Amino acid sequence: MTAITNVGDFVVALPPRDIWLTDEQAATFLSYSLVHFKSHVICLGDFPAPRYIMANSKGRRWNLESISKWLRNRPETTKKVVGRPRKI
């Protein structure tokens, strides 16, 4: 999996290990609402740790590769289904 974006006249492709997502982007990637992501998902014991670029929560960044691995390794019974958020 590679992310591709246009930067002016250049096309840039980055591997997932070099992509860092904000809380909003990570929640969207996992198909959760931002509130559910912040209050339930990041509290799970096996969820990857963030990297902080500032001291507050606005500086929290999530690595795309580690989130993807976490999502792939989850059992089928706990993966998100379409509909109301589950209680975990």
Protein backbone atom coordinates (compact mmCIF):
# COMPACT_ATOMS: atom_id res chain seq x y z
CA MET A 1 0.00 0.00 0.00
CA THR A 2 1.39 3.38 -1.02
CA ALA A 3 -0.11 6.83 -0.71
CA ILE A 4 0.19 8.98 -3.82
CA THR A 5 -0.40 12.73 -3.96
CA ASN A 6 0.18 15.53 -6.41
CA VAL A 7 2.50 18.30 -5.23
CA GLY A 8 2.56 20.91 -7.96
CA ASP A 9 4.02 19.21 -11.01
CA PHE A 10 5.37 16.27 -9.01
CA VAL A 11 3.75 13.02 -7.97
CA VAL A 12 4.91 11.87 -4.55
CA ALA A 13 4.50 8.28 -3.36
CA LEU A 14 5.18 7.44 0.28
CA PRO A 15 5.19 4.07 2.03
CA PRO A 16 2.74 3.74 4.94
CA ARG A 17 5.53 3.81 7.55
CA ASP A 18 6.29 7.41 6.51
CA ILE A 19 2.69 8.65 6.77
CA TRP A 20 1.49 10.15 10.06
CA LEU A 21 -2.23 10.84 10.57
CA THR A 22 -4.00 13.27 12.88
CA ASP A 23 -6.83 12.04 15.14
CA GLU A 24 -9.41 13.08 12.54
CA GLN A 25 -7.60 11.35 9.68
CA ALA A 26 -7.07 8.15 11.71
CA ALA A 27 -10.75 8.07 12.73
CA THR A 28 -11.80 8.51 9.09
CA PHE A 29 -9.36 5.80 7.95
CA LEU A 30 -10.84 3.36 10.51
CA SER A 31 -14.43 4.46 9.69
CA TYR A 32 -15.15 5.65 13.23
CA SER A 33 -16.56 8.95 14.37
CA LEU A 34 -13.97 11.23 15.96
CA VAL A 35 -15.67 11.04 19.36
CA HIS A 36 -15.78 7.23 19.32
CA PHE A 37 -12.16 7.04 18.16
CA LYS A 38 -10.93 9.35 20.93
CA SER A 39 -13.03 7.86 23.72
CA HIS A 40 -12.91 4.14 22.93
CA VAL A 41 -10.52 3.03 20.21
CA ILE A 42 -7.29 4.68 21.35
CA CYS A 43 -7.88 3.33 24.88
CA LEU A 44 -7.66 -0.28 23.70
CA GLY A 45 -4.59 -2.00 25.10
CA ASP A 46 -3.32 -3.31 21.77
CA PHE A 47 -3.87 -0.07 19.81
CA PRO A 48 -0.57 1.43 18.59
CA ALA A 49 0.96 4.29 20.55
CA PRO A 50 0.98 7.76 19.01
CA ARG A 51 3.90 10.06 18.40
CA TYR A 52 3.60 13.53 19.92
CA ILE A 53 4.95 16.50 17.96
CA MET A 54 3.54 18.95 20.53
CA ALA A 55 2.75 18.52 24.22
CA ASN A 56 -1.06 18.65 23.79
CA SER A 57 -3.45 16.25 22.05
CA LYS A 58 -3.44 18.40 18.88
CA GLY A 59 0.14 17.24 18.36
CA ARG A 60 -0.73 13.54 18.42
CA ARG A 61 0.09 11.61 15.24
CA TRP A 62 -0.67 7.98 14.34
CA ASN A 63 1.49 5.91 12.00
CA LEU A 64 -0.51 4.53 9.07
CA GLU A 65 1.50 1.30 8.90
CA SER A 66 0.99 0.47 12.60
CA ILE A 67 -2.74 1.25 12.42
CA SER A 68 -3.07 -0.94 9.31
CA LYS A 69 -1.29 -3.83 11.05
CA TRP A 70 -3.52 -3.43 14.12
CA LEU A 71 -6.61 -3.49 11.90
CA ARG A 72 -5.45 -6.60 10.00
CA ASN A 73 -4.61 -8.48 13.22
CA ARG A 74 -7.98 -7.92 14.87
CA PRO A 75 -10.23 -10.99 15.04
CA GLU A 76 -13.18 -10.96 12.65
CA THR A 77 -15.59 -10.90 15.60
CA THR A 78 -14.32 -7.51 16.81
CA LYS A 79 -13.94 -5.71 13.47
CA LYS A 80 -16.20 -2.75 12.90
CA VAL A 81 -19.51 -3.38 11.21
CA VAL A 82 -21.66 -0.76 9.52
CA GLY A 83 -24.19 0.78 11.87
CA ARG A 84 -24.13 2.04 15.42
CA PRO A 85 -20.79 2.07 17.26
CA ARG A 86 -20.23 -1.05 19.35
CA LYS A 87 -19.51 -1.04 23.05
CA ILE A 88 -16.05 -2.46 23.53
